[in-house]
Amino acid sequence: MKRTFLLVACLIASYGAQAQFVSSRSETDIVVDNVKGDNDNYTRVFLGYTPTFLKFSGLDSETAHGGAIGFTYGINLTKGNSPLYLEVGLTDNLNFSKEDEVLMALNVPINITYRFKIGDSNVRIAPYVGIRPKVNVLLLDSDGDSYFNKDYYPEGPNRFQFGGQAGVNFDFNRFYLGIGYNFDFNPIWKTYYGKQKTSGVNVNIGVTF
């Protein structure tokens, strides 16, 4: 069974700055601009490579290769006094196993991150840790039939999973690169072969603005 996997993202970056200089005998100079501060809120859009590992109890894991598209919004928790942020977002993952099974999930990552700025440069390093609620939208077998419609498994598959994640993000001016690891606390389903749990890695590129 052949499938074409296409992810298209519109990466939009716009930035504006203007300055006004006012001087007089009795007043000091004033400069007004709208350049974003170091600790302002931010938005990030990205594409990613996201292999997912499917492992039954006591058996070797299988890798389902695929990708993702998503966005993140960073909210400063200190009113701009330090680069400590809460990140929330939405990511759509689509993966294919070697048996032509299809997995599609919507993730809602919620992270705490601290964005270290390197000197006076525009380079930032931001380790993060957080939770990851996930909704399994599609789980298809090699014939295109949904596993959610099958009734011969004792449990599952689960529509909802809850997990965690950790990693590090890099911002080079507006260019973004992220690397992370994620895992689920509850299994995607329980079959006669045992519980199948999922985990994965993500390598993302995008823009931050």
C-alpha atoms as a PDB file:
ATOM      1  CA  MET A   1       0.000   0.000   0.000  1.00  0.00           C
ATOM      2  CA  LYS A   2       1.506   3.271  -1.080  1.00  0.00           C
ATOM      3  CA  ARG A   3       0.829   6.606   0.516  1.00  0.00           C
ATOM      4  CA  THR A   4       2.203  10.054  -0.119  1.00  0.00           C
ATOM      5  CA  PHE A   5       3.061  12.109   2.916  1.00  0.00           C
ATOM      6  CA  LEU A   6       2.966  15.837   2.318  1.00  0.00           C
ATOM      7  CA  LEU A   7       3.389  18.505   4.946  1.00  0.00           C
ATOM      8  CA  VAL A   8       3.232  22.133   3.882  1.00  0.00           C
ATOM      9  CA  ALA A   9       3.766  25.011   6.216  1.00  0.00           C
ATOM     10  CA  CYS A  10       3.642  28.701   5.624  1.00  0.00           C
ATOM     11  CA  LEU A  11       6.448  30.188   7.640  1.00  0.00           C
ATOM     12  CA  ILE A  12       5.720  33.849   8.075  1.00  0.00           C
ATOM     13  CA  ALA A  13       8.067  36.285   9.712  1.00  0.00           C
ATOM     14  CA  SER A  14       7.453  39.972   9.910  1.00  0.00           C
ATOM     15  CA  TYR A  15       9.213  42.477  12.034  1.00  0.00           C
ATOM     16  CA  GLY A  16       8.822  46.228  12.155  1.00  0.00           C
ATOM     17  CA  ALA A  17      10.834  48.966  13.814  1.00  0.00           C
ATOM     18  CA  GLN A  18      10.653  52.734  13.773  1.00  0.00           C
ATOM     19  CA  ALA A  19      12.308  55.395  15.885  1.00  0.00           C
ATOM     20  CA  GLN A  20      11.424  58.968  16.701  1.00  0.00           C
ATOM     21  CA  PHE A  21      13.894  61.437  18.121  1.00  0.00           C
ATOM     22  CA  VAL A  22      12.689  64.500  20.021  1.00  0.00           C
ATOM     23  CA  SER A  23      14.976  67.114  21.545  1.00  0.00           C
ATOM     24  CA  SER A  24      14.615  70.548  23.125  1.00  0.00           C
ATOM     25  CA  ARG A  25      16.491  72.830  25.500  1.00  0.00           C
ATOM     26  CA  SER A  26      14.510  71.745  28.560  1.00  0.00           C
ATOM     27  CA  GLU A  27      13.850  68.051  27.737  1.00  0.00           C
ATOM     28  CA  THR A  28      16.108  65.048  27.468  1.00  0.00           C
ATOM     29  CA  ASP A  29      16.305  63.005  24.289  1.00  0.00           C
ATOM     30  CA  ILE A  30      13.545  60.391  23.861  1.00  0.00           C
ATOM     31  CA  VAL A  31      13.708  57.326  21.583  1.00  0.00           C
ATOM     32  CA  VAL A  32      10.522  55.399  20.891  1.00  0.00           C
ATOM     33  CA  ASP A  33      10.520  52.086  19.015  1.00  0.00           C
ATOM     34  CA  ASN A  34       8.556  48.877  18.705  1.00  0.00           C
ATOM     35  CA  VAL A  35      11.440  46.401  18.611  1.00  0.00           C
ATOM     36  CA  LYS A  36      10.599  43.291  20.645  1.00  0.00           C
ATOM     37  CA  GLY A  37      12.327  43.068  24.008  1.00  0.00           C
ATOM     38  CA  ASP A  38      14.524  40.177  25.061  1.00  0.00           C
ATOM     39  CA  ASN A  39      11.838  38.633  27.290  1.00  0.00           C
ATOM     40  CA  ASP A  40       8.678  39.332  25.304  1.00  0.00           C
ATOM     41  CA  ASN A  41       6.107  36.676  24.452  1.00  0.00           C
ATOM     42  CA  TYR A  42       6.732  34.848  21.190  1.00  0.00           C
ATOM     43  CA  THR A  43       5.113  32.609  18.591  1.00  0.00           C
ATOM     44  CA  ARG A  44       6.816  29.703  16.841  1.00  0.00           C
ATOM     45  CA  VAL A  45       5.728  27.671  13.797  1.00  0.00           C
ATOM     46  CA  PHE A  46       7.583  24.555  12.732  1.00  0.00           C
ATOM     47  CA  LEU A  47       7.859  21.310  10.780  1.00  0.00           C
ATOM     48  CA  GLY A  48       9.362  18.190  12.275  1.00  0.00           C
ATOM     49  CA  TYR A  49      10.622  14.654  11.790  1.00  0.00           C
ATOM     50  CA  THR A  50       8.922  12.575  14.488  1.00  0.00           C
ATOM     51  CA  PRO A  51       9.633   8.817  14.569  1.00  0.00           C
ATOM     52  CA  THR A  52       7.341   7.011  17.010  1.00  0.00           C
ATOM     53  CA  PHE A  53       8.395   3.829  18.809  1.00  0.00           C
ATOM     54  CA  LEU A  54       5.707   1.174  19.354  1.00  0.00           C
ATOM     55  CA  LYS A  55       6.641  -1.432  21.925  1.00  0.00           C
ATOM     56  CA  PHE A  56       4.733  -4.443  23.237  1.00  0.00           C
ATOM     57  CA  SER A  57       5.587  -5.783  26.678  1.00  0.00           C
ATOM     58  CA  GLY A  58       8.705  -7.934  26.441  1.00  0.00           C
ATOM     59  CA  LEU A  59       9.052  -7.536  22.651  1.00  0.00           C
ATOM     60  CA  ASP A  60      11.260  -5.413  20.417  1.00  0.00           C
ATOM     61  CA  SER A  61       9.916  -2.005  19.484  1.00  0.00           C
ATOM     62  CA  GLU A  62       8.786  -1.023  16.001  1.00  0.00           C
ATOM     63  CA  THR A  63       9.444   2.419  14.556  1.00  0.00           C
ATOM     64  CA  ALA A  64       6.736   4.327  12.691  1.00  0.00           C
ATOM     65  CA  HIS A  65       8.369   7.115  10.706  1.00  0.00           C
ATOM     66  CA  GLY A  66       6.632  10.377  10.012  1.00  0.00           C
ATOM     67  CA  GLY A  67       6.472  14.096  10.532  1.00  0.00           C
ATOM     68  CA  ALA A  68       4.617  16.904  12.219  1.00  0.00           C
ATOM     69  CA  ILE A  69       3.434  20.460  11.778  1.00  0.00           C
ATOM     70  CA  GLY A  70       2.672  22.727  14.698  1.00  0.00           C
ATOM     71  CA  PHE A  71       2.883  26.011  16.533  1.00  0.00           C
ATOM     72  CA  THR A  72       3.884  27.160  20.017  1.00  0.00           C
ATOM     73  CA  TYR A  73       3.101  30.305  21.965  1.00  0.00           C
ATOM     74  CA  GLY A  74       5.505  31.370  24.710  1.00  0.00           C
ATOM     75  CA  ILE A  75       4.093  33.352  27.654  1.00  0.00           C
ATOM     76  CA  ASN A  76       6.555  35.116  29.948  1.00  0.00           C
ATOM     77  CA  LEU A  77       5.811  34.223  33.569  1.00  0.00           C
ATOM     78  CA  THR A  78       7.711  37.147  35.120  1.00  0.00           C
ATOM     79  CA  LYS A  79       6.232  40.092  33.184  1.00  0.00           C
ATOM     80  CA  GLY A  80       9.442  40.412  31.206  1.00  0.00           C
ATOM     81  CA  ASN A  81      11.839  40.442  34.148  1.00  0.00           C
ATOM     82  CA  SER A  82      13.471  37.105  33.263  1.00  0.00           C
ATOM     83  CA  PRO A  83      13.298  34.630  30.344  1.00  0.00           C
ATOM     84  CA  LEU A  84      11.100  32.082  32.161  1.00  0.00           C
ATOM     85  CA  TYR A  85       8.181  30.962  29.995  1.00  0.00           C
ATOM     86  CA  LEU A  86       5.108  28.792  29.847  1.00  0.00           C
ATOM     87  CA  GLU A  87       4.783  27.285  26.352  1.00  0.00           C
ATOM     88  CA  VAL A  88       1.473  26.019  24.982  1.00  0.00           C
ATOM     89  CA  GLY A  89       0.711  24.837  21.479  1.00  0.00           C
ATOM     90  CA  LEU A  90      -0.725  22.277  19.101  1.00  0.00           C
ATOM     91  CA  THR A  91       1.100  19.674  17.014  1.00  0.00           C
ATOM     92  CA  ASP A  92      -0.308  17.327  14.357  1.00  0.00           C
ATOM     93  CA  ASN A  93       1.715  14.106  13.972  1.00  0.00           C
ATOM     94  CA  LEU A  94       1.353  11.652  11.086  1.00  0.00           C
ATOM     95  CA  ASN A  95       3.316   8.373  11.125  1.00  0.00           C
ATOM     96  CA  PHE A  96       3.522   5.226   8.991  1.00  0.00           C
ATOM     97  CA  SER A  97       4.706   1.793  10.158  1.00  0.00           C
ATOM     98  CA  LYS A  98       6.548  -0.697   7.947  1.00  0.00           C
ATOM     99  CA  GLU A  99       3.272  -2.672   7.655  1.00  0.00           C
ATOM    100  CA  ASP A 100       1.632   0.430   6.142  1.00  0.00           C
ATOM    101  CA  GLU A 101      -0.307   1.177   9.288  1.00  0.00           C
ATOM    102  CA  VAL A 102      -1.194   4.837   9.795  1.00  0.00           C
ATOM    103  CA  LEU A 103      -1.113   6.761  13.065  1.00  0.00           C
ATOM    104  CA  MET A 104      -2.327  10.341  13.339  1.00  0.00           C
ATOM    105  CA  ALA A 105      -2.435  12.227  16.632  1.00  0.00           C
ATOM    106  CA  LEU A 106      -3.084  15.750  17.873  1.00  0.00           C
ATOM    107  CA  ASN A 107      -0.752  16.756  20.709  1.00  0.00           C
ATOM    108  CA  VAL A 108      -1.180  19.649  23.128  1.00  0.00           C
ATOM    109  CA  PRO A 109       2.302  20.252  24.584  1.00  0.00           C
ATOM    110  CA  ILE A 110       2.530  22.351  27.763  1.00  0.00           C
ATOM    111  CA  ASN A 111       6.090  23.186  28.805  1.00  0.00           C
ATOM    112  CA  ILE A 112       8.125  25.225  31.240  1.00  0.00           C
ATOM    113  CA  THR A 113      11.250  26.639  29.581  1.00  0.00           C
ATOM    114  CA  TYR A 114      14.068  29.051  30.364  1.00  0.00           C
ATOM    115  CA  ARG A 115      15.626  30.836  27.368  1.00  0.00           C
ATOM    116  CA  PHE A 116      19.320  31.502  27.989  1.00  0.00           C
ATOM    117  CA  LYS A 117      20.659  34.298  25.781  1.00  0.00           C
ATOM    118  CA  ILE A 118      24.268  33.953  24.625  1.00  0.00           C
ATOM    119  CA  GLY A 119      25.953  37.264  25.359  1.00  0.00           C
ATOM    120  CA  ASP A 120      24.792  40.126  23.159  1.00  0.00           C
ATOM    121  CA  SER A 121      23.951  37.797  20.273  1.00  0.00           C
ATOM    122  CA  ASN A 122      20.514  36.726  19.012  1.00  0.00           C
ATOM    123  CA  VAL A 123      21.232  33.101  19.938  1.00  0.00           C
ATOM    124  CA  ARG A 124      19.087  31.519  22.664  1.00  0.00           C
ATOM    125  CA  ILE A 125      19.229  28.059  24.214  1.00  0.00           C
ATOM    126  CA  ALA A 126      16.032  26.918  25.922  1.00  0.00           C
ATOM    127  CA  PRO A 127      15.799  23.571  27.760  1.00  0.00           C
ATOM    128  CA  TYR A 128      12.238  22.550  28.533  1.00  0.00           C
ATOM    129  CA  VAL A 129      10.160  19.973  30.365  1.00  0.00           C
ATOM    130  CA  GLY A 130       6.429  19.448  30.314  1.00  0.00           C
ATOM    131  CA  ILE A 131       3.330  17.337  29.805  1.00  0.00           C
ATOM    132  CA  ARG A 132       1.688  16.205  26.586  1.00  0.00           C
ATOM    133  CA  PRO A 133      -2.006  15.295  26.358  1.00  0.00           C
ATOM    134  CA  LYS A 134      -2.674  13.519  23.053  1.00  0.00           C
ATOM    135  CA  VAL A 135      -5.739  12.519  21.032  1.00  0.00           C
ATOM    136  CA  ASN A 136      -5.322   9.635  18.583  1.00  0.00           C
ATOM    137  CA  VAL A 137      -7.309  10.727  15.543  1.00  0.00           C
ATOM    138  CA  LEU A 138      -6.467   7.844  13.182  1.00  0.00           C
ATOM    139  CA  LEU A 139      -5.166   4.337  13.700  1.00  0.00           C
ATOM    140  CA  LEU A 140      -5.489   2.379  10.445  1.00  0.00           C
ATOM    141  CA  ASP A 141      -4.363  -1.102   9.452  1.00  0.00           C
ATOM    142  CA  SER A 142      -2.687  -1.918   6.124  1.00  0.00           C
ATOM    143  CA  ASP A 143      -6.106  -2.196   4.427  1.00  0.00           C
ATOM    144  CA  GLY A 144      -7.148   1.277   5.562  1.00  0.00           C
ATOM    145  CA  ASP A 145      -9.593  -0.030   8.169  1.00  0.00           C
ATOM    146  CA  SER A 146      -9.726   1.683  11.542  1.00  0.00           C
ATOM    147  CA  TYR A 147      -8.536  -0.240  14.577  1.00  0.00           C
ATOM    148  CA  PHE A 148     -11.058   1.763  16.588  1.00  0.00           C
ATOM    149  CA  ASN A 149     -13.840  -0.157  14.805  1.00  0.00           C
ATOM    150  CA  LYS A 150     -12.429  -3.593  15.617  1.00  0.00           C
ATOM    151  CA  ASP A 151     -13.944  -5.464  18.543  1.00  0.00           C
ATOM    152  CA  TYR A 152     -11.628  -8.435  19.028  1.00  0.00           C
ATOM    153  CA  TYR A 153      -9.144  -6.676  21.324  1.00  0.00           C
ATOM    154  CA  PRO A 154      -9.789  -6.868  25.072  1.00  0.00           C
ATOM    155  CA  GLU A 155      -9.032  -3.163  25.516  1.00  0.00           C
ATOM    156  CA  GLY A 156      -8.448  -0.158  23.317  1.00  0.00           C
ATOM    157  CA  PRO A 157      -7.056   1.309  21.340  1.00  0.00           C
ATOM    158  CA  ASN A 158      -7.206   4.443  23.433  1.00  0.00           C
ATOM    159  CA  ARG A 159      -8.348   7.670  21.875  1.00  0.00           C
ATOM    160  CA  PHE A 160      -6.681   9.673  24.634  1.00  0.00           C
ATOM    161  CA  GLN A 161      -3.168   9.343  26.007  1.00  0.00           C
ATOM    162  CA  PHE A 162      -1.280  11.416  28.521  1.00  0.00           C
ATOM    163  CA  GLY A 163       2.487  11.730  28.613  1.00  0.00           C
ATOM    164  CA  GLY A 164       5.531  13.872  29.194  1.00  0.00           C
ATOM    165  CA  GLN A 165       8.369  15.397  27.228  1.00  0.00           C
ATOM    166  CA  ALA A 166      11.748  17.056  27.598  1.00  0.00           C
ATOM    167  CA  GLY A 167      14.282  18.571  25.256  1.00  0.00           C
ATOM    168  CA  VAL A 168      16.080  21.712  24.193  1.00  0.00           C
ATOM    169  CA  ASN A 169      15.242  24.462  21.684  1.00  0.00           C
ATOM    170  CA  PHE A 170      17.649  26.771  19.878  1.00  0.00           C
ATOM    171  CA  ASP A 171      16.810  30.156  18.365  1.00  0.00           C
ATOM    172  CA  PHE A 172      19.285  31.754  15.965  1.00  0.00           C
ATOM    173  CA  ASN A 173      17.691  35.162  15.476  1.00  0.00           C
ATOM    174  CA  ARG A 174      14.385  33.967  13.961  1.00  0.00           C
ATOM    175  CA  PHE A 175      15.507  30.520  12.807  1.00  0.00           C
ATOM    176  CA  TYR A 176      14.460  27.731  15.177  1.00  0.00           C
ATOM    177  CA  LEU A 177      15.820  24.220  15.782  1.00  0.00           C
ATOM    178  CA  GLY A 178      14.412  21.877  18.429  1.00  0.00           C
ATOM    179  CA  ILE A 179      15.288  18.387  19.660  1.00  0.00           C
ATOM    180  CA  GLY A 180      13.223  16.435  22.161  1.00  0.00           C
ATOM    181  CA  TYR A 181      11.988  13.131  23.532  1.00  0.00           C
ATOM    182  CA  ASN A 182       8.400  12.251  24.447  1.00  0.00           C
ATOM    183  CA  PHE A 183       6.672   9.312  26.112  1.00  0.00           C
ATOM    184  CA  ASP A 184       3.176   8.256  27.149  1.00  0.00           C
ATOM    185  CA  PHE A 185       2.156   7.167  30.635  1.00  0.00           C
ATOM    186  CA  ASN A 186      -0.755   5.000  29.518  1.00  0.00           C
ATOM    187  CA  PRO A 187      -0.583   2.477  26.633  1.00  0.00           C
ATOM    188  CA  ILE A 188      -2.113   3.137  23.247  1.00  0.00           C
ATOM    189  CA  TRP A 189      -3.933  -0.186  23.635  1.00  0.00           C
ATOM    190  CA  LYS A 190      -3.956  -3.619  25.228  1.00  0.00           C
ATOM    191  CA  THR A 191      -4.079  -6.636  22.904  1.00  0.00           C
ATOM    192  CA  TYR A 192      -3.708 -10.362  23.386  1.00  0.00           C
ATOM    193  CA  TYR A 193       0.038  -9.812  22.968  1.00  0.00           C
ATOM    194  CA  GLY A 194       0.152  -7.401  25.889  1.00  0.00           C
ATOM    195  CA  LYS A 195       0.159  -3.640  26.352  1.00  0.00           C
ATOM    196  CA  GLN A 196       1.608  -1.492  23.586  1.00  0.00           C
ATOM    197  CA  LYS A 197       3.244   1.726  24.720  1.00  0.00           C
ATOM    198  CA  THR A 198       4.501   4.601  22.618  1.00  0.00           C
ATOM    199  CA  SER A 199       7.403   7.024  22.813  1.00  0.00           C
ATOM    200  CA  GLY A 200       9.312   9.054  20.280  1.00  0.00           C
ATOM    201  CA  VAL A 201      11.755  11.764  19.358  1.00  0.00           C
ATOM    202  CA  ASN A 202      11.253  14.986  17.466  1.00  0.00           C
ATOM    203  CA  VAL A 203      13.604  17.131  15.402  1.00  0.00           C
ATOM    204  CA  ASN A 204      11.923  20.412  14.446  1.00  0.00           C
ATOM    205  CA  ILE A 205      12.832  23.411  12.310  1.00  0.00           C
ATOM    206  CA  GLY A 206      10.895  26.627  11.929  1.00  0.00           C
ATOM    207  CA  VAL A 207      10.760  30.321  12.783  1.00  0.00           C
ATOM    208  CA  THR A 208      10.190  32.252  15.997  1.00  0.00           C
ATOM    209  CA  PHE A 209       8.672  35.718  15.945  1.00  0.00           C
END
